[in-house]
């Protein structure tokens, strides 16, 4: 699995926090997209998610995540949708091809690379969904997994 170091771009994002099974977050993307459209804000990149807990170590009903979209516009936090500004940062990145439920080895590869190259993880890894599960078979899904890092 190839891992690359890259510099991310700063972005403004609209997110919804979720507690429960990670398989339930898909419906939240539609809610965010509709809200951004109502606010006359333009989605500027693919959907993403931060998944804070390891599903092999945490009960499913306690798994924490945030999902959303980067956007341009003047939208402000409202209800369960929060606006965050994410700074540019150094990140280790890899591409996972296949079902979302099989992304675990990508996380392992990123954390292993960080250790080997003298980086300290900063925050939670981000999954960026590069194609649409409604348009491609699960075996063709592409997910970029990024781990923000800094040098020791």
C-alpha atoms as a PDB file:
ATOM      1  CA  UNK A   1       0.000   0.000   0.000  1.00  0.00           C
ATOM      2  CA  UNK A   2       1.488   3.329  -1.074  1.00  0.00           C
ATOM      3  CA  UNK A   3       1.570   6.124   1.525  1.00  0.00           C
ATOM      4  CA  UNK A   4       2.458   9.683   0.477  1.00  0.00           C
ATOM      5  CA  UNK A   5       3.131  12.863   2.433  1.00  0.00           C
ATOM      6  CA  UNK A   6       1.077  15.785   1.145  1.00  0.00           C
ATOM      7  CA  UNK A   7       0.117  19.326   2.077  1.00  0.00           C
ATOM      8  CA  UNK A   8      -3.650  19.713   2.371  1.00  0.00           C
ATOM      9  CA  UNK A   9      -5.537  22.848   1.407  1.00  0.00           C
ATOM     10  CA  UNK A  10      -7.420  24.897   4.001  1.00  0.00           C
ATOM     11  CA  UNK A  11     -11.157  24.393   3.808  1.00  0.00           C
ATOM     12  CA  UNK A  12     -14.408  25.468   5.376  1.00  0.00           C
ATOM     13  CA  UNK A  13     -16.641  22.492   6.099  1.00  0.00           C
ATOM     14  CA  UNK A  14     -20.218  21.814   7.163  1.00  0.00           C
ATOM     15  CA  UNK A  15     -20.479  18.755   9.421  1.00  0.00           C
ATOM     16  CA  UNK A  16     -22.951  16.765  11.490  1.00  0.00           C
ATOM     17  CA  UNK A  17     -21.789  14.840  14.560  1.00  0.00           C
ATOM     18  CA  UNK A  18     -23.143  11.319  15.021  1.00  0.00           C
ATOM     19  CA  UNK A  19     -23.050   8.720  17.786  1.00  0.00           C
ATOM     20  CA  UNK A  20     -23.888   5.169  16.751  1.00  0.00           C
ATOM     21  CA  UNK A  21     -23.076   2.733  13.983  1.00  0.00           C
ATOM     22  CA  UNK A  22     -20.828   4.116  11.265  1.00  0.00           C
ATOM     23  CA  UNK A  23     -23.127   2.454   8.708  1.00  0.00           C
ATOM     24  CA  UNK A  24     -25.828   5.013   9.616  1.00  0.00           C
ATOM     25  CA  UNK A  25     -23.933   8.170   8.612  1.00  0.00           C
ATOM     26  CA  UNK A  26     -24.624   7.938   4.869  1.00  0.00           C
ATOM     27  CA  UNK A  27     -28.019   9.604   5.193  1.00  0.00           C
ATOM     28  CA  UNK A  28     -26.443  12.653   6.852  1.00  0.00           C
ATOM     29  CA  UNK A  29     -24.652  13.686   3.635  1.00  0.00           C
ATOM     30  CA  UNK A  30     -27.980  14.361   1.917  1.00  0.00           C
ATOM     31  CA  UNK A  31     -29.137  16.471   4.853  1.00  0.00           C
ATOM     32  CA  UNK A  32     -25.957  18.568   4.724  1.00  0.00           C
ATOM     33  CA  UNK A  33     -26.089  18.956   0.919  1.00  0.00           C
ATOM     34  CA  UNK A  34     -29.739  20.139   1.037  1.00  0.00           C
ATOM     35  CA  UNK A  35     -28.927  22.580   3.850  1.00  0.00           C
ATOM     36  CA  UNK A  36     -25.950  24.020   1.956  1.00  0.00           C
ATOM     37  CA  UNK A  37     -28.117  24.459  -1.155  1.00  0.00           C
ATOM     38  CA  UNK A  38     -30.731  26.319   0.911  1.00  0.00           C
ATOM     39  CA  UNK A  39     -27.949  28.597   2.177  1.00  0.00           C
ATOM     40  CA  UNK A  40     -26.795  29.234  -1.416  1.00  0.00           C
ATOM     41  CA  UNK A  41     -23.421  27.719  -0.573  1.00  0.00           C
ATOM     42  CA  UNK A  42     -21.490  25.620  -3.084  1.00  0.00           C
ATOM     43  CA  UNK A  43     -20.010  22.213  -2.253  1.00  0.00           C
ATOM     44  CA  UNK A  44     -16.366  22.358  -3.347  1.00  0.00           C
ATOM     45  CA  UNK A  45     -15.149  18.813  -2.835  1.00  0.00           C
ATOM     46  CA  UNK A  46     -16.091  15.229  -2.095  1.00  0.00           C
ATOM     47  CA  UNK A  47     -17.829  14.117   1.114  1.00  0.00           C
ATOM     48  CA  UNK A  48     -15.615  13.136   4.036  1.00  0.00           C
ATOM     49  CA  UNK A  49     -15.793  11.728   7.522  1.00  0.00           C
ATOM     50  CA  UNK A  50     -13.854  11.670  10.769  1.00  0.00           C
ATOM     51  CA  UNK A  51     -14.357   8.407  12.641  1.00  0.00           C
ATOM     52  CA  UNK A  52     -13.081   8.825  16.174  1.00  0.00           C
ATOM     53  CA  UNK A  53     -13.434   5.313  17.560  1.00  0.00           C
ATOM     54  CA  UNK A  54     -12.217   1.884  16.480  1.00  0.00           C
ATOM     55  CA  UNK A  55     -15.315  -0.273  15.876  1.00  0.00           C
ATOM     56  CA  UNK A  56     -13.344  -3.334  17.006  1.00  0.00           C
ATOM     57  CA  UNK A  57     -12.788  -1.729  20.444  1.00  0.00           C
ATOM     58  CA  UNK A  58     -15.945   0.329  21.058  1.00  0.00           C
ATOM     59  CA  UNK A  59     -19.591  -0.783  21.268  1.00  0.00           C
ATOM     60  CA  UNK A  60     -21.442   0.137  18.065  1.00  0.00           C
ATOM     61  CA  UNK A  61     -23.925   2.404  19.856  1.00  0.00           C
ATOM     62  CA  UNK A  62     -21.052   4.541  21.233  1.00  0.00           C
ATOM     63  CA  UNK A  63     -19.055   5.089  18.021  1.00  0.00           C
ATOM     64  CA  UNK A  64     -18.427   8.814  17.431  1.00  0.00           C
ATOM     65  CA  UNK A  65     -18.085  10.438  14.017  1.00  0.00           C
ATOM     66  CA  UNK A  66     -18.469  13.679  12.106  1.00  0.00           C
ATOM     67  CA  UNK A  67     -19.318  13.765   8.412  1.00  0.00           C
ATOM     68  CA  UNK A  68     -19.663  16.580   5.937  1.00  0.00           C
ATOM     69  CA  UNK A  69     -18.629  18.512   2.864  1.00  0.00           C
ATOM     70  CA  UNK A  70     -16.185  21.328   2.120  1.00  0.00           C
ATOM     71  CA  UNK A  71     -18.005  24.388   0.778  1.00  0.00           C
ATOM     72  CA  UNK A  72     -17.790  28.038  -0.233  1.00  0.00           C
ATOM     73  CA  UNK A  73     -20.335  30.460   1.090  1.00  0.00           C
ATOM     74  CA  UNK A  74     -21.448  32.420   4.106  1.00  0.00           C
ATOM     75  CA  UNK A  75     -23.345  29.669   5.945  1.00  0.00           C
ATOM     76  CA  UNK A  76     -23.190  29.759   9.746  1.00  0.00           C
ATOM     77  CA  UNK A  77     -23.654  26.885  12.208  1.00  0.00           C
ATOM     78  CA  UNK A  78     -27.340  26.089  12.667  1.00  0.00           C
ATOM     79  CA  UNK A  79     -29.070  23.285  14.545  1.00  0.00           C
ATOM     80  CA  UNK A  80     -27.109  20.041  14.238  1.00  0.00           C
ATOM     81  CA  UNK A  81     -24.974  21.372  11.350  1.00  0.00           C
ATOM     82  CA  UNK A  82     -21.715  22.960  12.449  1.00  0.00           C
ATOM     83  CA  UNK A  83     -19.265  25.022  10.399  1.00  0.00           C
ATOM     84  CA  UNK A  84     -15.540  24.478  10.917  1.00  0.00           C
ATOM     85  CA  UNK A  85     -12.448  25.998   9.326  1.00  0.00           C
ATOM     86  CA  UNK A  86      -9.767  23.367   8.737  1.00  0.00           C
ATOM     87  CA  UNK A  87      -6.235  24.771   8.260  1.00  0.00           C
ATOM     88  CA  UNK A  88      -3.760  23.515   5.674  1.00  0.00           C
ATOM     89  CA  UNK A  89      -1.643  20.773   7.189  1.00  0.00           C
ATOM     90  CA  UNK A  90       0.855  18.028   6.443  1.00  0.00           C
ATOM     91  CA  UNK A  91      -0.842  14.661   6.048  1.00  0.00           C
ATOM     92  CA  UNK A  92       0.102  11.119   5.237  1.00  0.00           C
ATOM     93  CA  UNK A  93      -2.310   9.820   2.614  1.00  0.00           C
ATOM     94  CA  UNK A  94      -3.232   6.514   1.013  1.00  0.00           C
ATOM     95  CA  UNK A  95      -6.003   5.336  -1.311  1.00  0.00           C
ATOM     96  CA  UNK A  96      -8.198   2.377  -0.336  1.00  0.00           C
ATOM     97  CA  UNK A  97     -10.005   0.567  -3.158  1.00  0.00           C
ATOM     98  CA  UNK A  98     -12.957  -1.572  -2.144  1.00  0.00           C
ATOM     99  CA  UNK A  99     -15.807  -1.656   0.379  1.00  0.00           C
ATOM    100  CA  UNK A 100     -15.773   0.957   3.118  1.00  0.00           C
ATOM    101  CA  UNK A 101     -15.920  -1.757   5.793  1.00  0.00           C
ATOM    102  CA  UNK A 102     -12.481  -2.981   4.618  1.00  0.00           C
ATOM    103  CA  UNK A 103     -10.641   0.334   5.063  1.00  0.00           C
ATOM    104  CA  UNK A 104      -8.929  -0.754   8.325  1.00  0.00           C
ATOM    105  CA  UNK A 105      -5.574  -1.761   6.751  1.00  0.00           C
ATOM    106  CA  UNK A 106      -5.230   1.786   5.359  1.00  0.00           C
ATOM    107  CA  UNK A 107      -5.333   3.168   8.915  1.00  0.00           C
ATOM    108  CA  UNK A 108      -2.721   0.608   9.980  1.00  0.00           C
ATOM    109  CA  UNK A 109      -0.460   1.603   7.060  1.00  0.00           C
ATOM    110  CA  UNK A 110      -0.735   5.334   7.882  1.00  0.00           C
ATOM    111  CA  UNK A 111       0.070   4.923  11.583  1.00  0.00           C
ATOM    112  CA  UNK A 112       2.935   2.532  10.788  1.00  0.00           C
ATOM    113  CA  UNK A 113       4.402   4.970   8.238  1.00  0.00           C
ATOM    114  CA  UNK A 114       4.118   7.818  10.764  1.00  0.00           C
ATOM    115  CA  UNK A 115       6.086   5.804  13.338  1.00  0.00           C
ATOM    116  CA  UNK A 116       8.740   4.749  10.820  1.00  0.00           C
ATOM    117  CA  UNK A 117       9.254   8.270   9.445  1.00  0.00           C
ATOM    118  CA  UNK A 118       9.261  10.099  12.782  1.00  0.00           C
ATOM    119  CA  UNK A 119       5.850  11.778  12.583  1.00  0.00           C
ATOM    120  CA  UNK A 120       3.337  12.358  15.357  1.00  0.00           C
ATOM    121  CA  UNK A 121      -0.347  12.050  14.397  1.00  0.00           C
ATOM    122  CA  UNK A 122      -2.382  15.221  14.894  1.00  0.00           C
ATOM    123  CA  UNK A 123      -6.077  14.620  15.444  1.00  0.00           C
ATOM    124  CA  UNK A 124      -8.242  11.966  13.856  1.00  0.00           C
ATOM    125  CA  UNK A 125      -7.736  10.462  10.387  1.00  0.00           C
ATOM    126  CA  UNK A 126     -10.089  11.701   7.666  1.00  0.00           C
ATOM    127  CA  UNK A 127     -11.791   9.519   5.047  1.00  0.00           C
ATOM    128  CA  UNK A 128     -12.531  11.278   1.756  1.00  0.00           C
ATOM    129  CA  UNK A 129     -14.947   9.503  -0.578  1.00  0.00           C
ATOM    130  CA  UNK A 130     -13.710   9.905  -4.148  1.00  0.00           C
ATOM    131  CA  UNK A 131     -16.602   8.210  -5.940  1.00  0.00           C
ATOM    132  CA  UNK A 132     -20.280   7.472  -5.347  1.00  0.00           C
ATOM    133  CA  UNK A 133     -21.458   4.121  -3.937  1.00  0.00           C
ATOM    134  CA  UNK A 134     -24.717   4.610  -5.868  1.00  0.00           C
ATOM    135  CA  UNK A 135     -22.771   4.684  -9.159  1.00  0.00           C
ATOM    136  CA  UNK A 136     -19.978   2.112  -8.766  1.00  0.00           C
ATOM    137  CA  UNK A 137     -19.830  -1.403  -7.301  1.00  0.00           C
ATOM    138  CA  UNK A 138     -18.383  -1.716  -3.782  1.00  0.00           C
ATOM    139  CA  UNK A 139     -15.251  -3.332  -5.211  1.00  0.00           C
ATOM    140  CA  UNK A 140     -14.526  -0.082  -7.118  1.00  0.00           C
ATOM    141  CA  UNK A 141     -15.092   2.404  -4.282  1.00  0.00           C
ATOM    142  CA  UNK A 142     -12.138   4.753  -3.769  1.00  0.00           C
ATOM    143  CA  UNK A 143     -11.482   6.257  -0.332  1.00  0.00           C
ATOM    144  CA  UNK A 144      -8.548   8.527   0.420  1.00  0.00           C
ATOM    145  CA  UNK A 145      -7.520   8.186   4.057  1.00  0.00           C
ATOM    146  CA  UNK A 146      -5.482  11.088   5.457  1.00  0.00           C
ATOM    147  CA  UNK A 147      -3.639  11.267   8.767  1.00  0.00           C
ATOM    148  CA  UNK A 148      -2.519  14.783   9.725  1.00  0.00           C
ATOM    149  CA  UNK A 149       1.006  14.684  11.145  1.00  0.00           C
ATOM    150  CA  UNK A 150       3.857  16.793  12.456  1.00  0.00           C
ATOM    151  CA  UNK A 151       7.558  15.930  12.838  1.00  0.00           C
ATOM    152  CA  UNK A 152       8.716  14.712  16.259  1.00  0.00           C
END
